[in-house]
Amino acid sequence: HIQIANPPNRFEPDNGEINYPYIFDL
């Protein structure tokens, strides 16, 4: 199981420091 949120504020995937489109593609 995987869970997602984006640091530093634990906001939605497109609001923060992680490049989620890259992760989703992988």
All heavy atoms as atom14 arrays in JSON, in Angstrom:
{
  "sequence": "HIQIANPPNRFEPDNGEINYPYIFDL",
  "atom14_mask": [
    [1, 1, 1, 1, 1, 1, 1, 1, 1, 1, 0, 0, 0, 0],
    [1, 1, 1, 1, 1, 1, 1, 1, 0, 0, 0, 0, 0, 0],
    [1, 1, 1, 1, 1, 1, 1, 1, 1, 0, 0, 0, 0, 0],
    [1, 1, 1, 1, 1, 1, 1, 1, 0, 0, 0, 0, 0, 0],
    [1, 1, 1, 1, 1, 0, 0, 0, 0, 0, 0, 0, 0, 0],
    [1, 1, 1, 1, 1, 1, 1, 1, 0, 0, 0, 0, 0, 0],
    [1, 1, 1, 1, 1, 1, 1, 0, 0, 0, 0, 0, 0, 0],
    [1, 1, 1, 1, 1, 1, 1, 0, 0, 0, 0, 0, 0, 0],
    [1, 1, 1, 1, 1, 1, 1, 1, 0, 0, 0, 0, 0, 0],
    [1, 1, 1, 1, 1, 1, 1, 1, 1, 1, 1, 0, 0, 0],
    [1, 1, 1, 1, 1, 1, 1, 1, 1, 1, 1, 0, 0, 0],
    [1, 1, 1, 1, 1, 1, 1, 1, 1, 0, 0, 0, 0, 0],
    [1, 1, 1, 1, 1, 1, 1, 0, 0, 0, 0, 0, 0, 0],
    [1, 1, 1, 1, 1, 1, 1, 1, 0, 0, 0, 0, 0, 0],
    [1, 1, 1, 1, 1, 1, 1, 1, 0, 0, 0, 0, 0, 0],
    [1, 1, 1, 1, 0, 0, 0, 0, 0, 0, 0, 0, 0, 0],
    [1, 1, 1, 1, 1, 1, 1, 1, 1, 0, 0, 0, 0, 0],
    [1, 1, 1, 1, 1, 1, 1, 1, 0, 0, 0, 0, 0, 0],
    [1, 1, 1, 1, 1, 1, 1, 1, 0, 0, 0, 0, 0, 0],
    [1, 1, 1, 1, 1, 1, 1, 1, 1, 1, 1, 1, 0, 0],
    [1, 1, 1, 1, 1, 1, 1, 0, 0, 0, 0, 0, 0, 0],
    [1, 1, 1, 1, 1, 1, 1, 1, 1, 1, 1, 1, 0, 0],
    [1, 1, 1, 1, 1, 1, 1, 1, 0, 0, 0, 0, 0, 0],
    [1, 1, 1, 1, 1, 1, 1, 1, 1, 1, 1, 0, 0, 0],
    [1, 1, 1, 1, 1, 1, 1, 1, 0, 0, 0, 0, 0, 0],
    [1, 1, 1, 1, 1, 1, 1, 1, 0, 0, 0, 0, 0, 0]
  ],
  "atom14_positions": [
    [[0.87, -1.18, 0.0], [0.0, 0.0, 0.0], [0.91, 1.22, 0.0], [1.96, 1.22, 0.65], [-0.91, 0.01, 1.23], [-2.0, 1.04, 1.18], [-3.14, 0.87, 0.45], [-2.12, 2.25, 1.78], [-3.93, 1.93, 0.59], [-3.33, 2.79, 1.39], [0.0, 0.0, 0.0], [0.0, 0.0, 0.0], [0.0, 0.0, 0.0], [0.0, 0.0, 0.0]],
    [[0.48, 2.25, -0.73], [1.22, 3.51, -0.8], [0.29, 4.64, -0.36], [-0.92, 4.6, -0.63], [1.75, 3.76, -2.23], [2.87, 2.75, -2.55], [2.26, 5.18, -2.4], [3.37, 2.82, -3.98], [0.0, 0.0, 0.0], [0.0, 0.0, 0.0], [0.0, 0.0, 0.0], [0.0, 0.0, 0.0], [0.0, 0.0, 0.0], [0.0, 0.0, 0.0]],
    [[0.85, 5.63, 0.31], [0.1, 6.85, 0.62], [0.9, 8.06, 0.16], [2.13, 8.01, 0.06], [-0.21, 6.94, 2.12], [-1.23, 5.9, 2.57], [-1.49, 5.92, 4.05], [-0.58, 6.11, 4.85], [-2.73, 5.72, 4.45], [0.0, 0.0, 0.0], [0.0, 0.0, 0.0], [0.0, 0.0, 0.0], [0.0, 0.0, 0.0], [0.0, 0.0, 0.0]],
    [[0.18, 9.16, -0.09], [0.83, 10.34, -0.65], [0.36, 11.61, 0.06], [-0.77, 11.72, 0.52], [0.56, 10.47, -2.17], [-0.96, 10.53, -2.46], [1.23, 9.35, -2.94], [-1.29, 10.82, -3.92], [0.0, 0.0, 0.0], [0.0, 0.0, 0.0], [0.0, 0.0, 0.0], [0.0, 0.0, 0.0], [0.0, 0.0, 0.0], [0.0, 0.0, 0.0]],
    [[1.28, 12.56, 0.12], [1.06, 13.94, 0.53], [2.36, 14.66, 0.21], [3.38, 14.02, -0.05], [0.72, 14.06, 2.02], [0.0, 0.0, 0.0], [0.0, 0.0, 0.0], [0.0, 0.0, 0.0], [0.0, 0.0, 0.0], [0.0, 0.0, 0.0], [0.0, 0.0, 0.0], [0.0, 0.0, 0.0], [0.0, 0.0, 0.0], [0.0, 0.0, 0.0]],
    [[2.33, 15.99, 0.2], [3.51, 16.73, -0.24], [4.06, 17.61, 0.87], [3.36, 18.49, 1.37], [3.17, 17.58, -1.47], [4.34, 17.7, -2.42], [5.5, 17.68, -2.01], [4.05, 17.82, -3.71], [0.0, 0.0, 0.0], [0.0, 0.0, 0.0], [0.0, 0.0, 0.0], [0.0, 0.0, 0.0], [0.0, 0.0, 0.0], [0.0, 0.0, 0.0]],
    [[5.31, 17.37, 1.3], [5.95, 18.26, 2.25], [6.17, 19.65, 1.62], [6.18, 19.75, 0.39], [7.3, 17.59, 2.52], [7.18, 16.2, 1.99], [6.17, 16.26, 0.89], [0.0, 0.0, 0.0], [0.0, 0.0, 0.0], [0.0, 0.0, 0.0], [0.0, 0.0, 0.0], [0.0, 0.0, 0.0], [0.0, 0.0, 0.0], [0.0, 0.0, 0.0]],
    [[6.34, 20.68, 2.42], [6.51, 20.62, 3.87], [5.19, 20.69, 4.66], [5.2, 20.44, 5.86], [7.34, 21.88, 4.16], [6.91, 22.85, 3.1], [6.66, 22.02, 1.87], [0.0, 0.0, 0.0], [0.0, 0.0, 0.0], [0.0, 0.0, 0.0], [0.0, 0.0, 0.0], [0.0, 0.0, 0.0], [0.0, 0.0, 0.0], [0.0, 0.0, 0.0]],
    [[4.07, 20.99, 4.0], [2.82, 21.23, 4.72], [1.85, 20.06, 4.69], [0.75, 20.15, 5.2], [2.12, 22.47, 4.15], [2.93, 23.72, 4.34], [3.42, 23.99, 5.42], [3.13, 24.47, 3.24], [0.0, 0.0, 0.0], [0.0, 0.0, 0.0], [0.0, 0.0, 0.0], [0.0, 0.0, 0.0], [0.0, 0.0, 0.0], [0.0, 0.0, 0.0]],
    [[2.24, 18.96, 4.09], [1.4, 17.78, 3.92], [0.16, 18.09, 3.07], [-0.91, 17.55, 3.27], [0.98, 17.18, 5.26], [0.63, 15.7, 5.15], [0.44, 15.04, 6.51], [0.22, 13.61, 6.34], [0.16, 12.73, 7.34], [0.28, 13.14, 8.58], [-0.03, 11.46, 7.08], [0.0, 0.0, 0.0], [0.0, 0.0, 0.0], [0.0, 0.0, 0.0]],
    [[0.36, 18.96, 2.07], [-0.72, 19.34, 1.18], [-0.85, 18.33, 0.04], [-0.19, 17.29, 0.0], [-0.47, 20.73, 0.61], [-0.71, 21.86, 1.59], [-0.16, 23.12, 1.34], [-1.48, 21.7, 2.73], [-0.38, 24.17, 2.22], [-1.7, 22.75, 3.62], [-1.14, 23.98, 3.35], [0.0, 0.0, 0.0], [0.0, 0.0, 0.0], [0.0, 0.0, 0.0]],
    [[-1.73, 18.67, -0.93], [-2.0, 17.83, -2.09], [-0.73, 17.63, -2.93], [0.23, 18.4, -2.82], [-3.1, 18.46, -2.95], [-2.86, 19.9, -3.35], [-3.35, 20.91, -2.32], [-3.72, 20.51, -1.2], [-3.35, 22.12, -2.67], [0.0, 0.0, 0.0], [0.0, 0.0, 0.0], [0.0, 0.0, 0.0], [0.0, 0.0, 0.0], [0.0, 0.0, 0.0]],
    [[-0.71, 16.6, -3.78], [0.52, 16.24, -4.5], [1.13, 17.33, -5.37], [2.36, 17.31, -5.59], [0.08, 15.04, -5.35], [-1.0, 14.41, -4.56], [-1.75, 15.56, -3.94], [0.0, 0.0, 0.0], [0.0, 0.0, 0.0], [0.0, 0.0, 0.0], [0.0, 0.0, 0.0], [0.0, 0.0, 0.0], [0.0, 0.0, 0.0], [0.0, 0.0, 0.0]],
    [[0.35, 18.26, -5.87], [0.93, 19.3, -6.72], [1.21, 20.59, -5.94], [1.35, 21.67, -6.53], [0.03, 19.6, -7.93], [-1.38, 20.02, -7.54], [-1.71, 20.0, -6.34], [-2.16, 20.36, -8.45], [0.0, 0.0, 0.0], [0.0, 0.0, 0.0], [0.0, 0.0, 0.0], [0.0, 0.0, 0.0], [0.0, 0.0, 0.0], [0.0, 0.0, 0.0]],
    [[1.34, 20.5, -4.63], [1.57, 21.68, -3.8], [2.64, 21.34, -2.76], [2.35, 20.99, -1.62], [0.27, 22.1, -3.11], [0.39, 23.41, -2.37], [1.48, 23.91, -2.14], [-0.75, 23.95, -1.96], [0.0, 0.0, 0.0], [0.0, 0.0, 0.0], [0.0, 0.0, 0.0], [0.0, 0.0, 0.0], [0.0, 0.0, 0.0], [0.0, 0.0, 0.0]],
    [[3.92, 21.41, -3.19], [5.0, 21.09, -2.27], [6.28, 20.74, -3.0], [6.45, 21.01, -4.18], [0.0, 0.0, 0.0], [0.0, 0.0, 0.0], [0.0, 0.0, 0.0], [0.0, 0.0, 0.0], [0.0, 0.0, 0.0], [0.0, 0.0, 0.0], [0.0, 0.0, 0.0], [0.0, 0.0, 0.0], [0.0, 0.0, 0.0], [0.0, 0.0, 0.0]],
    [[7.18, 20.09, -2.29], [8.54, 19.91, -2.78], [8.76, 18.65, -3.61], [9.78, 18.52, -4.28], [9.52, 19.9, -1.6], [9.36, 18.73, -0.66], [10.15, 18.89, 0.63], [10.2, 20.01, 1.16], [10.74, 17.89, 1.08], [0.0, 0.0, 0.0], [0.0, 0.0, 0.0], [0.0, 0.0, 0.0], [0.0, 0.0, 0.0], [0.0, 0.0, 0.0]],
    [[7.82, 17.69, -3.59], [8.01, 16.43, -4.3], [7.44, 16.52, -5.72], [6.33, 17.04, -5.92], [7.33, 15.27, -3.55], [7.96, 15.06, -2.18], [7.41, 13.97, -4.35], [7.27, 14.01, -1.33], [0.0, 0.0, 0.0], [0.0, 0.0, 0.0], [0.0, 0.0, 0.0], [0.0, 0.0, 0.0], [0.0, 0.0, 0.0], [0.0, 0.0, 0.0]],
    [[8.17, 15.99, -6.68], [7.72, 15.95, -8.08], [6.88, 14.69, -8.28], [7.37, 13.66, -8.75], [8.94, 15.96, -9.01], [8.55, 15.91, -10.48], [7.38, 16.01, -10.83], [9.53, 15.73, -11.34], [0.0, 0.0, 0.0], [0.0, 0.0, 0.0], [0.0, 0.0, 0.0], [0.0, 0.0, 0.0], [0.0, 0.0, 0.0], [0.0, 0.0, 0.0]],
    [[5.6, 14.77, -7.93], [4.75, 13.59, -7.99], [4.5, 13.07, -9.41], [4.39, 11.86, -9.6], [3.44, 13.82, -7.25], [3.52, 13.39, -5.8], [3.61, 14.31, -4.78], [3.54, 12.05, -5.46], [3.71, 13.92, -3.44], [3.64, 11.63, -4.14], [3.72, 12.57, -3.13], [3.82, 12.16, -1.82], [0.0, 0.0, 0.0], [0.0, 0.0, 0.0]],
    [[4.36, 13.91, -10.44], [4.19, 13.33, -11.78], [5.3, 12.33, -12.14], [5.03, 11.29, -12.73], [4.2, 14.56, -12.7], [3.63, 15.65, -11.84], [4.2, 15.37, -10.46], [0.0, 0.0, 0.0], [0.0, 0.0, 0.0], [0.0, 0.0, 0.0], [0.0, 0.0, 0.0], [0.0, 0.0, 0.0], [0.0, 0.0, 0.0], [0.0, 0.0, 0.0]],
    [[6.52, 12.65, -11.75], [7.63, 11.72, -12.0], [7.42, 10.42, -11.24], [7.62, 9.32, -11.78], [8.94, 12.39, -11.59], [10.16, 11.55, -11.85], [10.8, 11.58, -13.09], [10.68, 10.71, -10.87], [11.92, 10.81, -13.34], [11.8, 9.92, -11.11], [12.42, 9.98, -12.34], [13.52, 9.2, -12.59], [0.0, 0.0, 0.0], [0.0, 0.0, 0.0]],
    [[7.01, 10.52, -9.99], [6.79, 9.32, -9.17], [5.64, 8.48, -9.73], [5.73, 7.25, -9.83], [6.54, 9.71, -7.71], [7.83, 10.28, -7.1], [6.04, 8.52, -6.9], [7.66, 10.86, -5.72], [0.0, 0.0, 0.0], [0.0, 0.0, 0.0], [0.0, 0.0, 0.0], [0.0, 0.0, 0.0], [0.0, 0.0, 0.0], [0.0, 0.0, 0.0]],
    [[4.55, 9.14, -10.11], [3.41, 8.39, -10.66], [3.81, 7.67, -11.94], [3.41, 6.51, -12.16], [2.25, 9.34, -10.93], [1.63, 9.95, -9.7], [0.97, 11.17, -9.77], [1.68, 9.31, -8.47], [0.39, 11.73, -8.64], [1.11, 9.86, -7.32], [0.46, 11.07, -7.42], [0.0, 0.0, 0.0], [0.0, 0.0, 0.0], [0.0, 0.0, 0.0]],
    [[4.57, 8.32, -12.78], [5.03, 7.67, -14.02], [5.86, 6.44, -13.69], [5.73, 5.38, -14.34], [5.85, 8.65, -14.87], [4.99, 9.68, -15.57], [3.75, 9.51, -15.61], [5.56, 10.68, -16.07], [0.0, 0.0, 0.0], [0.0, 0.0, 0.0], [0.0, 0.0, 0.0], [0.0, 0.0, 0.0], [0.0, 0.0, 0.0], [0.0, 0.0, 0.0]],
    [[6.73, 6.55, -12.71], [7.57, 5.42, -12.33], [6.74, 4.27, -11.76], [6.95, 3.11, -12.11], [8.61, 5.85, -11.31], [9.49, 4.69, -10.83], [10.95, 4.93, -11.17], [9.33, 4.46, -9.34], [0.0, 0.0, 0.0], [0.0, 0.0, 0.0], [0.0, 0.0, 0.0], [0.0, 0.0, 0.0], [0.0, 0.0, 0.0], [0.0, 0.0, 0.0]]
  ]
}
